[in-house]
């Protein structure tokens, strides 16, 4: 498999965002609760995607979070 490069990390990151976004869009109702959480599907999606938007800058050392 080899070492993780910035290019590979960003490609994996993009795939993760696409997969998670597709999963969110498959929900019929963003106000439904997520099992074992106090958040809804929409709230969980906003939280996760908000963090995922930050990752490329963290990887490139352009942000400290």
C-alpha atoms as a PDB file:
ATOM      1  CA  UNK A   1       0.000   0.000   0.000  1.00  0.00           C
ATOM      2  CA  UNK A   2       2.840   2.436   0.704  1.00  0.00           C
ATOM      3  CA  UNK A   3       3.040   5.629   2.655  1.00  0.00           C
ATOM      4  CA  UNK A   4       0.160   8.031   2.991  1.00  0.00           C
ATOM      5  CA  UNK A   5       0.803  11.077   0.844  1.00  0.00           C
ATOM      6  CA  UNK A   6      -1.076  14.364   0.817  1.00  0.00           C
ATOM      7  CA  UNK A   7      -2.615  13.382  -2.507  1.00  0.00           C
ATOM      8  CA  UNK A   8      -3.836  10.035  -1.159  1.00  0.00           C
ATOM      9  CA  UNK A   9      -5.137  11.661   2.021  1.00  0.00           C
ATOM     10  CA  UNK A  10      -7.092  14.271   0.066  1.00  0.00           C
ATOM     11  CA  UNK A  11      -8.491  11.639  -2.295  1.00  0.00           C
ATOM     12  CA  UNK A  12      -9.660   9.527   0.662  1.00  0.00           C
ATOM     13  CA  UNK A  13     -11.100  12.636   2.281  1.00  0.00           C
ATOM     14  CA  UNK A  14     -13.091  13.495  -0.821  1.00  0.00           C
ATOM     15  CA  UNK A  15     -14.435   9.934  -1.038  1.00  0.00           C
ATOM     16  CA  UNK A  16     -15.496  10.083   2.615  1.00  0.00           C
ATOM     17  CA  UNK A  17     -17.336  13.372   2.081  1.00  0.00           C
ATOM     18  CA  UNK A  18     -19.093  12.011  -0.990  1.00  0.00           C
ATOM     19  CA  UNK A  19     -20.128   8.800   0.761  1.00  0.00           C
ATOM     20  CA  UNK A  20     -21.358  10.621   3.864  1.00  0.00           C
ATOM     21  CA  UNK A  21     -23.243  13.212   1.794  1.00  0.00           C
ATOM     22  CA  UNK A  22     -24.923  10.450  -0.196  1.00  0.00           C
ATOM     23  CA  UNK A  23     -25.925   8.744   3.035  1.00  0.00           C
ATOM     24  CA  UNK A  24     -27.391  11.977   4.412  1.00  0.00           C
ATOM     25  CA  UNK A  25     -29.358  12.617   1.227  1.00  0.00           C
ATOM     26  CA  UNK A  26     -30.829   9.118   1.456  1.00  0.00           C
ATOM     27  CA  UNK A  27     -32.621  10.073   4.676  1.00  0.00           C
ATOM     28  CA  UNK A  28     -36.259  10.885   4.127  1.00  0.00           C
ATOM     29  CA  UNK A  29     -36.353  13.278   7.083  1.00  0.00           C
ATOM     30  CA  UNK A  30     -33.466  15.264   8.555  1.00  0.00           C
ATOM     31  CA  UNK A  31     -35.404  15.820  11.758  1.00  0.00           C
ATOM     32  CA  UNK A  32     -35.339  12.123  12.691  1.00  0.00           C
ATOM     33  CA  UNK A  33     -33.291  11.284  15.793  1.00  0.00           C
ATOM     34  CA  UNK A  34     -30.030   9.371  15.435  1.00  0.00           C
ATOM     35  CA  UNK A  35     -30.021   6.250  17.629  1.00  0.00           C
ATOM     36  CA  UNK A  36     -27.946   6.670  20.805  1.00  0.00           C
ATOM     37  CA  UNK A  37     -27.496  10.423  20.222  1.00  0.00           C
ATOM     38  CA  UNK A  38     -29.486  13.483  21.204  1.00  0.00           C
ATOM     39  CA  UNK A  39     -28.973  14.919  17.707  1.00  0.00           C
ATOM     40  CA  UNK A  40     -31.106  14.608  14.605  1.00  0.00           C
ATOM     41  CA  UNK A  41     -29.862  13.335  11.256  1.00  0.00           C
ATOM     42  CA  UNK A  42     -29.516  16.934  10.032  1.00  0.00           C
ATOM     43  CA  UNK A  43     -27.630  18.105  13.110  1.00  0.00           C
ATOM     44  CA  UNK A  44     -25.260  15.150  12.932  1.00  0.00           C
ATOM     45  CA  UNK A  45     -24.669  15.764   9.243  1.00  0.00           C
ATOM     46  CA  UNK A  46     -23.915  19.440   9.793  1.00  0.00           C
ATOM     47  CA  UNK A  47     -21.470  18.608  12.573  1.00  0.00           C
ATOM     48  CA  UNK A  48     -19.603  15.915  10.644  1.00  0.00           C
ATOM     49  CA  UNK A  49     -19.468  17.815   7.352  1.00  0.00           C
ATOM     50  CA  UNK A  50     -18.349  20.972   9.148  1.00  0.00           C
ATOM     51  CA  UNK A  51     -15.401  19.076  10.555  1.00  0.00           C
ATOM     52  CA  UNK A  52     -14.625  17.416   7.242  1.00  0.00           C
ATOM     53  CA  UNK A  53     -14.378  20.817   5.560  1.00  0.00           C
ATOM     54  CA  UNK A  54     -11.597  21.721   7.979  1.00  0.00           C
ATOM     55  CA  UNK A  55      -9.449  18.603   7.442  1.00  0.00           C
ATOM     56  CA  UNK A  56      -7.694  19.627   4.192  1.00  0.00           C
ATOM     57  CA  UNK A  57      -6.440  22.819   5.876  1.00  0.00           C
ATOM     58  CA  UNK A  58      -5.265  20.823   8.877  1.00  0.00           C
ATOM     59  CA  UNK A  59      -3.419  18.387   6.608  1.00  0.00           C
ATOM     60  CA  UNK A  60      -1.777  21.252   4.739  1.00  0.00           C
ATOM     61  CA  UNK A  61      -0.834  22.945   8.038  1.00  0.00           C
ATOM     62  CA  UNK A  62      -2.946  26.012   7.129  1.00  0.00           C
ATOM     63  CA  UNK A  63      -5.145  25.744  10.212  1.00  0.00           C
ATOM     64  CA  UNK A  64      -4.927  24.608  13.796  1.00  0.00           C
ATOM     65  CA  UNK A  65      -8.629  23.903  14.040  1.00  0.00           C
END
